[in-house]
Amino acid sequence: MGYNDCMLPELNLGDRVKLRKAHPCGGFTWKVVRLGADIGLECETCAHKVLLSRRELAHRMKTHFPAPISDQKEAPGA
């Protein structure tokens, strides 16, 4: 619950995002594969991986598709 919750999206591993511009392969949808200060994305069309800062991703993102509950991994000890 930070001061910029509405500005930066809350993402989880396995979520899918649609970016405003197409990747050179023609794909628009990306899968979240890494979380941290930078977000790791994998193109669903060609499997190319990129790292974007949270701020850059928030700027480029058009739509966020949360992963189904079964796809999200449970935290150890939970």
PDB file of N, CA and C in Angstrom:
ATOM      1  N   MET A   1       0.831  -1.182   0.000  1.00  0.00           N
ATOM      2  CA  MET A   1       0.000   0.000   0.000  1.00  0.00           C
ATOM      3  C   MET A   1       0.874   1.244   0.000  1.00  0.00           C
ATOM      4  N   GLY A   2       1.504   1.519  -1.110  1.00  0.00           N
ATOM      5  CA  GLY A   2       2.365   2.681  -1.209  1.00  0.00           C
ATOM      6  C   GLY A   2       1.616   3.901  -1.710  1.00  0.00           C
ATOM      7  N   TYR A   3       2.353   4.951  -1.887  1.00  0.00           N
ATOM      8  CA  TYR A   3       1.746   6.196  -2.328  1.00  0.00           C
ATOM      9  C   TYR A   3       1.380   6.174  -3.804  1.00  0.00           C
ATOM     10  N   ASN A   4       1.922   5.221  -4.571  1.00  0.00           N
ATOM     11  CA  ASN A   4       1.662   5.193  -6.007  1.00  0.00           C
ATOM     12  C   ASN A   4       1.032   3.879  -6.453  1.00  0.00           C
ATOM     13  N   ASP A   5       0.122   3.319  -5.659  1.00  0.00           N
ATOM     14  CA  ASP A   5      -0.517   2.051  -6.016  1.00  0.00           C
ATOM     15  C   ASP A   5      -1.251   2.124  -7.346  1.00  0.00           C
ATOM     16  N   CYS A   6      -1.887   3.242  -7.626  1.00  0.00           N
ATOM     17  CA  CYS A   6      -2.639   3.342  -8.874  1.00  0.00           C
ATOM     18  C   CYS A   6      -1.712   3.561 -10.071  1.00  0.00           C
ATOM     19  N   MET A   7      -0.477   3.973  -9.824  1.00  0.00           N
ATOM     20  CA  MET A   7       0.448   4.255 -10.912  1.00  0.00           C
ATOM     21  C   MET A   7       1.185   3.003 -11.380  1.00  0.00           C
ATOM     22  N   LEU A   8       1.673   2.192 -10.451  1.00  0.00           N
ATOM     23  CA  LEU A   8       2.422   0.991 -10.802  1.00  0.00           C
ATOM     24  C   LEU A   8       1.551  -0.238 -10.569  1.00  0.00           C
ATOM     25  N   PRO A   9       1.452  -1.130 -11.563  1.00  0.00           N
ATOM     26  CA  PRO A   9       0.553  -2.285 -11.447  1.00  0.00           C
ATOM     27  C   PRO A   9       1.062  -3.334 -10.457  1.00  0.00           C
ATOM     28  N   GLU A  10       0.150  -4.032  -9.819  1.00  0.00           N
ATOM     29  CA  GLU A  10       0.467  -5.157  -8.945  1.00  0.00           C
ATOM     30  C   GLU A  10       0.498  -6.406  -9.826  1.00  0.00           C
ATOM     31  N   LEU A  11       1.669  -7.001  -9.979  1.00  0.00           N
ATOM     32  CA  LEU A  11       1.846  -8.146 -10.863  1.00  0.00           C
ATOM     33  C   LEU A  11       2.263  -9.377 -10.077  1.00  0.00           C
ATOM     34  N   ASN A  12       1.968 -10.548 -10.629  1.00  0.00           N
ATOM     35  CA  ASN A  12       2.374 -11.831 -10.072  1.00  0.00           C
ATOM     36  C   ASN A  12       2.997 -12.659 -11.185  1.00  0.00           C
ATOM     37  N   LEU A  13       3.784 -13.656 -10.804  1.00  0.00           N
ATOM     38  CA  LEU A  13       4.354 -14.555 -11.802  1.00  0.00           C
ATOM     39  C   LEU A  13       3.228 -15.259 -12.554  1.00  0.00           C
ATOM     40  N   GLY A  14       3.388 -15.379 -13.853  1.00  0.00           N
ATOM     41  CA  GLY A  14       2.392 -16.049 -14.672  1.00  0.00           C
ATOM     42  C   GLY A  14       1.337 -15.124 -15.249  1.00  0.00           C
ATOM     43  N   ASP A  15       1.258 -13.881 -14.760  1.00  0.00           N
ATOM     44  CA  ASP A  15       0.310 -12.923 -15.335  1.00  0.00           C
ATOM     45  C   ASP A  15       0.708 -12.639 -16.775  1.00  0.00           C
ATOM     46  N   ARG A  16      -0.271 -12.202 -17.547  1.00  0.00           N
ATOM     47  CA  ARG A  16      -0.003 -11.822 -18.921  1.00  0.00           C
ATOM     48  C   ARG A  16      -0.337 -10.349 -19.095  1.00  0.00           C
ATOM     49  N   VAL A  17       0.451  -9.668 -19.912  1.00  0.00           N
ATOM     50  CA  VAL A  17       0.217  -8.256 -20.181  1.00  0.00           C
ATOM     51  C   VAL A  17       0.227  -8.031 -21.690  1.00  0.00           C
ATOM     52  N   LYS A  18      -0.568  -7.061 -22.101  1.00  0.00           N
ATOM     53  CA  LYS A  18      -0.587  -6.649 -23.506  1.00  0.00           C
ATOM     54  C   LYS A  18       0.038  -5.268 -23.555  1.00  0.00           C
ATOM     55  N   LEU A  19       1.072  -5.108 -24.386  1.00  0.00           N
ATOM     56  CA  LEU A  19       1.769  -3.841 -24.501  1.00  0.00           C
ATOM     57  C   LEU A  19       1.198  -3.018 -25.651  1.00  0.00           C
ATOM     58  N   ARG A  20       1.452  -1.726 -25.623  1.00  0.00           N
ATOM     59  CA  ARG A  20       0.887  -0.811 -26.612  1.00  0.00           C
ATOM     60  C   ARG A  20       1.448  -1.025 -28.019  1.00  0.00           C
ATOM     61  N   LYS A  21       2.727  -1.325 -28.121  1.00  0.00           N
ATOM     62  CA  LYS A  21       3.340  -1.552 -29.432  1.00  0.00           C
ATOM     63  C   LYS A  21       3.704  -3.020 -29.583  1.00  0.00           C
ATOM     64  N   ALA A  22       3.631  -3.504 -30.808  1.00  0.00           N
ATOM     65  CA  ALA A  22       3.943  -4.906 -31.085  1.00  0.00           C
ATOM     66  C   ALA A  22       5.447  -5.148 -31.043  1.00  0.00           C
ATOM     67  N   HIS A  23       5.827  -6.345 -30.639  1.00  0.00           N
ATOM     68  CA  HIS A  23       7.208  -6.808 -30.718  1.00  0.00           C
ATOM     69  C   HIS A  23       7.522  -6.997 -32.210  1.00  0.00           C
ATOM     70  N   PRO A  24       8.771  -6.936 -32.636  1.00  0.00           N
ATOM     71  CA  PRO A  24       9.089  -7.129 -34.061  1.00  0.00           C
ATOM     72  C   PRO A  24       8.563  -8.444 -34.648  1.00  0.00           C
ATOM     73  N   CYS A  25       8.345  -9.461 -33.811  1.00  0.00           N
ATOM     74  CA  CYS A  25       7.801 -10.729 -34.310  1.00  0.00           C
ATOM     75  C   CYS A  25       6.304 -10.617 -34.576  1.00  0.00           C
ATOM     76  N   GLY A  26       5.668  -9.545 -34.113  1.00  0.00           N
ATOM     77  CA  GLY A  26       4.240  -9.353 -34.333  1.00  0.00           C
ATOM     78  C   GLY A  26       3.388  -9.602 -33.108  1.00  0.00           C
ATOM     79  N   GLY A  27       3.981 -10.101 -32.016  1.00  0.00           N
ATOM     80  CA  GLY A  27       3.218 -10.417 -30.813  1.00  0.00           C
ATOM     81  C   GLY A  27       2.999  -9.211 -29.909  1.00  0.00           C
ATOM     82  N   PHE A  28       1.824  -9.156 -29.297  1.00  0.00           N
ATOM     83  CA  PHE A  28       1.500  -8.093 -28.358  1.00  0.00           C
ATOM     84  C   PHE A  28       1.497  -8.583 -26.914  1.00  0.00           C
ATOM     85  N   THR A  29       1.304  -9.891 -26.688  1.00  0.00           N
ATOM     86  CA  THR A  29       1.134 -10.404 -25.332  1.00  0.00           C
ATOM     87  C   THR A  29       2.438 -10.978 -24.787  1.00  0.00           C
ATOM     88  N   TRP A  30       2.670 -10.712 -23.503  1.00  0.00           N
ATOM     89  CA  TRP A  30       3.882 -11.120 -22.807  1.00  0.00           C
ATOM     90  C   TRP A  30       3.495 -11.779 -21.491  1.00  0.00           C
ATOM     91  N   LYS A  31       4.306 -12.737 -21.041  1.00  0.00           N
ATOM     92  CA  LYS A  31       4.093 -13.431 -19.777  1.00  0.00           C
ATOM     93  C   LYS A  31       5.119 -12.939 -18.762  1.00  0.00           C
ATOM     94  N   VAL A  32       4.682 -12.669 -17.532  1.00  0.00           N
ATOM     95  CA  VAL A  32       5.581 -12.219 -16.474  1.00  0.00           C
ATOM     96  C   VAL A  32       6.351 -13.433 -15.955  1.00  0.00           C
ATOM     97  N   VAL A  33       7.697 -13.389 -16.056  1.00  0.00           N
ATOM     98  CA  VAL A  33       8.531 -14.514 -15.629  1.00  0.00           C
ATOM     99  C   VAL A  33       9.485 -14.146 -14.503  1.00  0.00           C
ATOM    100  N   ARG A  34       9.587 -12.844 -14.154  1.00  0.00           N
ATOM    101  CA  ARG A  34      10.489 -12.414 -13.084  1.00  0.00           C
ATOM    102  C   ARG A  34       9.920 -11.165 -12.437  1.00  0.00           C
ATOM    103  N   LEU A  35       9.983 -11.120 -11.109  1.00  0.00           N
ATOM    104  CA  LEU A  35       9.520  -9.957 -10.357  1.00  0.00           C
ATOM    105  C   LEU A  35      10.664  -9.407  -9.524  1.00  0.00           C
ATOM    106  N   GLY A  36      10.673  -8.132  -9.337  1.00  0.00           N
ATOM    107  CA  GLY A  36      11.699  -7.452  -8.551  1.00  0.00           C
ATOM    108  C   GLY A  36      11.662  -5.983  -8.904  1.00  0.00           C
ATOM    109  N   ALA A  37      12.795  -5.318  -8.797  1.00  0.00           N
ATOM    110  CA  ALA A  37      12.867  -3.922  -9.220  1.00  0.00           C
ATOM    111  C   ALA A  37      12.584  -3.832 -10.717  1.00  0.00           C
ATOM    112  N   ASP A  38      13.070  -4.827 -11.463  1.00  0.00           N
ATOM    113  CA  ASP A  38      12.772  -4.955 -12.888  1.00  0.00           C
ATOM    114  C   ASP A  38      11.822  -6.119 -13.074  1.00  0.00           C
ATOM    115  N   ILE A  39      10.973  -6.032 -14.087  1.00  0.00           N
ATOM    116  CA  ILE A  39      10.018  -7.087 -14.403  1.00  0.00           C
ATOM    117  C   ILE A  39      10.525  -7.831 -15.629  1.00  0.00           C
ATOM    118  N   GLY A  40      10.631  -9.152 -15.534  1.00  0.00           N
ATOM    119  CA  GLY A  40      11.032  -9.974 -16.662  1.00  0.00           C
ATOM    120  C   GLY A  40       9.807 -10.408 -17.439  1.00  0.00           C
ATOM    121  N   LEU A  41       9.829 -10.200 -18.746  1.00  0.00           N
ATOM    122  CA  LEU A  41       8.728 -10.577 -19.621  1.00  0.00           C
ATOM    123  C   LEU A  41       9.222 -11.522 -20.701  1.00  0.00           C
ATOM    124  N   GLU A  42       8.347 -12.445 -21.102  1.00  0.00           N
ATOM    125  CA  GLU A  42       8.664 -13.374 -22.184  1.00  0.00           C
ATOM    126  C   GLU A  42       7.575 -13.256 -23.240  1.00  0.00           C
ATOM    127  N   CYS A  43       7.972 -12.990 -24.479  1.00  0.00           N
ATOM    128  CA  CYS A  43       7.020 -12.861 -25.581  1.00  0.00           C
ATOM    129  C   CYS A  43       6.337 -14.211 -25.798  1.00  0.00           C
ATOM    130  N   GLU A  44       5.013 -14.200 -25.885  1.00  0.00           N
ATOM    131  CA  GLU A  44       4.287 -15.458 -26.078  1.00  0.00           C
ATOM    132  C   GLU A  44       4.348 -15.944 -27.515  1.00  0.00           C
ATOM    133  N   THR A  45       4.795 -15.105 -28.441  1.00  0.00           N
ATOM    134  CA  THR A  45       4.886 -15.505 -29.840  1.00  0.00           C
ATOM    135  C   THR A  45       6.230 -16.143 -30.162  1.00  0.00           C
ATOM    136  N   CYS A  46       7.332 -15.488 -29.728  1.00  0.00           N
ATOM    137  CA  CYS A  46       8.667 -15.975 -30.110  1.00  0.00           C
ATOM    138  C   CYS A  46       9.541 -16.379 -28.919  1.00  0.00           C
ATOM    139  N   ALA A  47       9.044 -16.236 -27.685  1.00  0.00           N
ATOM    140  CA  ALA A  47       9.747 -16.608 -26.449  1.00  0.00           C
ATOM    141  C   ALA A  47      10.971 -15.732 -26.161  1.00  0.00           C
ATOM    142  N   HIS A  48      11.061 -14.550 -26.755  1.00  0.00           N
ATOM    143  CA  HIS A  48      12.143 -13.608 -26.457  1.00  0.00           C
ATOM    144  C   HIS A  48      11.912 -13.022 -25.066  1.00  0.00           C
ATOM    145  N   LYS A  49      12.983 -12.872 -24.280  1.00  0.00           N
ATOM    146  CA  LYS A  49      12.860 -12.352 -22.915  1.00  0.00           C
ATOM    147  C   LYS A  49      13.468 -10.956 -22.829  1.00  0.00           C
ATOM    148  N   VAL A  50      12.789 -10.087 -22.074  1.00  0.00           N
ATOM    149  CA  VAL A  50      13.265  -8.728 -21.846  1.00  0.00           C
ATOM    150  C   VAL A  50      13.062  -8.367 -20.380  1.00  0.00           C
ATOM    151  N   LEU A  51      13.811  -7.362 -19.905  1.00  0.00           N
ATOM    152  CA  LEU A  51      13.638  -6.799 -18.569  1.00  0.00           C
ATOM    153  C   LEU A  51      13.212  -5.344 -18.721  1.00  0.00           C
ATOM    154  N   LEU A  52      12.153  -4.963 -18.023  1.00  0.00           N
ATOM    155  CA  LEU A  52      11.687  -3.582 -18.008  1.00  0.00           C
ATOM    156  C   LEU A  52      11.549  -3.139 -16.562  1.00  0.00           C
ATOM    157  N   SER A  53      11.855  -1.887 -16.301  1.00  0.00           N
ATOM    158  CA  SER A  53      11.605  -1.358 -14.959  1.00  0.00           C
ATOM    159  C   SER A  53      10.086  -1.308 -14.750  1.00  0.00           C
ATOM    160  N   ARG A  54       9.669  -1.310 -13.495  1.00  0.00           N
ATOM    161  CA  ARG A  54       8.233  -1.239 -13.209  1.00  0.00           C
ATOM    162  C   ARG A  54       7.602   0.006 -13.820  1.00  0.00           C
ATOM    163  N   ARG A  55       8.310   1.107 -13.745  1.00  0.00           N
ATOM    164  CA  ARG A  55       7.788   2.366 -14.282  1.00  0.00           C
ATOM    165  C   ARG A  55       7.640   2.292 -15.803  1.00  0.00           C
ATOM    166  N   GLU A  56       8.651   1.730 -16.480  1.00  0.00           N
ATOM    167  CA  GLU A  56       8.595   1.596 -17.939  1.00  0.00           C
ATOM    168  C   GLU A  56       7.459   0.650 -18.345  1.00  0.00           C
ATOM    169  N   LEU A  57       7.296  -0.446 -17.615  1.00  0.00           N
ATOM    170  CA  LEU A  57       6.211  -1.382 -17.918  1.00  0.00           C
ATOM    171  C   LEU A  57       4.857  -0.712 -17.731  1.00  0.00           C
ATOM    172  N   ALA A  58       4.691   0.053 -16.649  1.00  0.00           N
ATOM    173  CA  ALA A  58       3.422   0.749 -16.415  1.00  0.00           C
ATOM    174  C   ALA A  58       3.116   1.706 -17.570  1.00  0.00           C
ATOM    175  N   HIS A  59       4.144   2.326 -18.128  1.00  0.00           N
ATOM    176  CA  HIS A  59       3.960   3.252 -19.245  1.00  0.00           C
ATOM    177  C   HIS A  59       3.583   2.513 -20.529  1.00  0.00           C
ATOM    178  N   ARG A  60       4.206   1.359 -20.770  1.00  0.00           N
ATOM    179  CA  ARG A  60       3.992   0.620 -22.025  1.00  0.00           C
ATOM    180  C   ARG A  60       2.786  -0.315 -21.999  1.00  0.00           C
ATOM    181  N   MET A  61       2.287  -0.646 -20.818  1.00  0.00           N
ATOM    182  CA  MET A  61       1.234  -1.652 -20.690  1.00  0.00           C
ATOM    183  C   MET A  61      -0.128  -1.096 -21.081  1.00  0.00           C
ATOM    184  N   LYS A  62      -0.871  -1.903 -21.831  1.00  0.00           N
ATOM    185  CA  LYS A  62      -2.223  -1.532 -22.239  1.00  0.00           C
ATOM    186  C   LYS A  62      -3.256  -2.300 -21.430  1.00  0.00           C
ATOM    187  N   THR A  63      -3.052  -3.612 -21.265  1.00  0.00           N
ATOM    188  CA  THR A  63      -3.997  -4.461 -20.554  1.00  0.00           C
ATOM    189  C   THR A  63      -3.244  -5.459 -19.684  1.00  0.00           C
ATOM    190  N   HIS A  64      -3.831  -5.783 -18.527  1.00  0.00           N
ATOM    191  CA  HIS A  64      -3.254  -6.757 -17.592  1.00  0.00           C
ATOM    192  C   HIS A  64      -4.236  -7.905 -17.455  1.00  0.00           C
ATOM    193  N   PHE A  65      -3.763  -9.142 -17.700  1.00  0.00           N
ATOM    194  CA  PHE A  65      -4.582 -10.342 -17.559  1.00  0.00           C
ATOM    195  C   PHE A  65      -4.019 -11.169 -16.406  1.00  0.00           C
ATOM    196  N   PRO A  66      -4.663 -11.172 -15.224  1.00  0.00           N
ATOM    197  CA  PRO A  66      -4.139 -11.972 -14.101  1.00  0.00           C
ATOM    198  C   PRO A  66      -4.137 -13.462 -14.443  1.00  0.00           C
ATOM    199  N   ALA A  67      -3.143 -14.163 -13.917  1.00  0.00           N
ATOM    200  CA  ALA A  67      -3.046 -15.609 -14.124  1.00  0.00           C
ATOM    201  C   ALA A  67      -4.149 -16.305 -13.343  1.00  0.00           C
ATOM    202  N   PRO A  68      -4.655 -17.427 -13.863  1.00  0.00           N
ATOM    203  CA  PRO A  68      -5.619 -18.202 -13.081  1.00  0.00           C
ATOM    204  C   PRO A  68      -4.993 -18.638 -11.756  1.00  0.00           C
ATOM    205  N   ILE A  69      -5.807 -18.854 -10.746  1.00  0.00           N
ATOM    206  CA  ILE A  69      -5.328 -19.207  -9.405  1.00  0.00           C
ATOM    207  C   ILE A  69      -4.452 -20.461  -9.453  1.00  0.00           C
ATOM    208  N   SER A  70      -4.788 -21.441 -10.278  1.00  0.00           N
ATOM    209  CA  SER A  70      -4.036 -22.693 -10.327  1.00  0.00           C
ATOM    210  C   SER A  70      -2.633 -22.505 -10.893  1.00  0.00           C
ATOM    211  N   ASP A  71      -2.401 -21.453 -11.709  1.00  0.00           N
ATOM    212  CA  ASP A  71      -1.084 -21.214 -12.304  1.00  0.00           C
ATOM    213  C   ASP A  71      -0.121 -20.529 -11.348  1.00  0.00           C
ATOM    214  N   GLN A  72      -0.647 -19.832 -10.338  1.00  0.00           N
ATOM    215  CA  GLN A  72       0.215 -19.126  -9.396  1.00  0.00           C
ATOM    216  C   GLN A  72       0.806 -20.117  -8.420  1.00  0.00           C
ATOM    217  N   LYS A  73       2.111 -20.007  -8.172  1.00  0.00           N
ATOM    218  CA  LYS A  73       2.796 -20.917  -7.263  1.00  0.00           C
ATOM    219  C   LYS A  73       2.583 -20.450  -5.815  1.00  0.00           C
ATOM    220  N   GLU A  74       2.362 -21.418  -4.945  1.00  0.00           N
ATOM    221  CA  GLU A  74       2.187 -21.081  -3.527  1.00  0.00           C
ATOM    222  C   GLU A  74       3.538 -20.824  -2.891  1.00  0.00           C
ATOM    223  N   ALA A  75       3.557 -19.910  -1.948  1.00  0.00           N
ATOM    224  CA  ALA A  75       4.790 -19.617  -1.215  1.00  0.00           C
ATOM    225  C   ALA A  75       5.126 -20.780  -0.300  1.00  0.00           C
ATOM    226  N   PRO A  76       6.409 -21.141  -0.169  1.00  0.00           N
ATOM    227  CA  PRO A  76       6.777 -22.241   0.719  1.00  0.00           C
ATOM    228  C   PRO A  76       6.410 -21.918   2.171  1.00  0.00           C
ATOM    229  N   GLY A  77       5.874 -22.896   2.838  1.00  0.00           N
ATOM    230  CA  GLY A  77       5.493 -22.736   4.233  1.00  0.00           C
ATOM    231  C   GLY A  77       4.135 -22.084   4.415  1.00  0.00           C
ATOM    232  N   ALA A  78       3.428 -21.837   3.332  1.00  0.00           N
ATOM    233  CA  ALA A  78       2.111 -21.190   3.459  1.00  0.00           C
ATOM    234  C   ALA A  78       1.014 -22.219   3.593  1.00  0.00           C
TER     235      ALA A  78
END
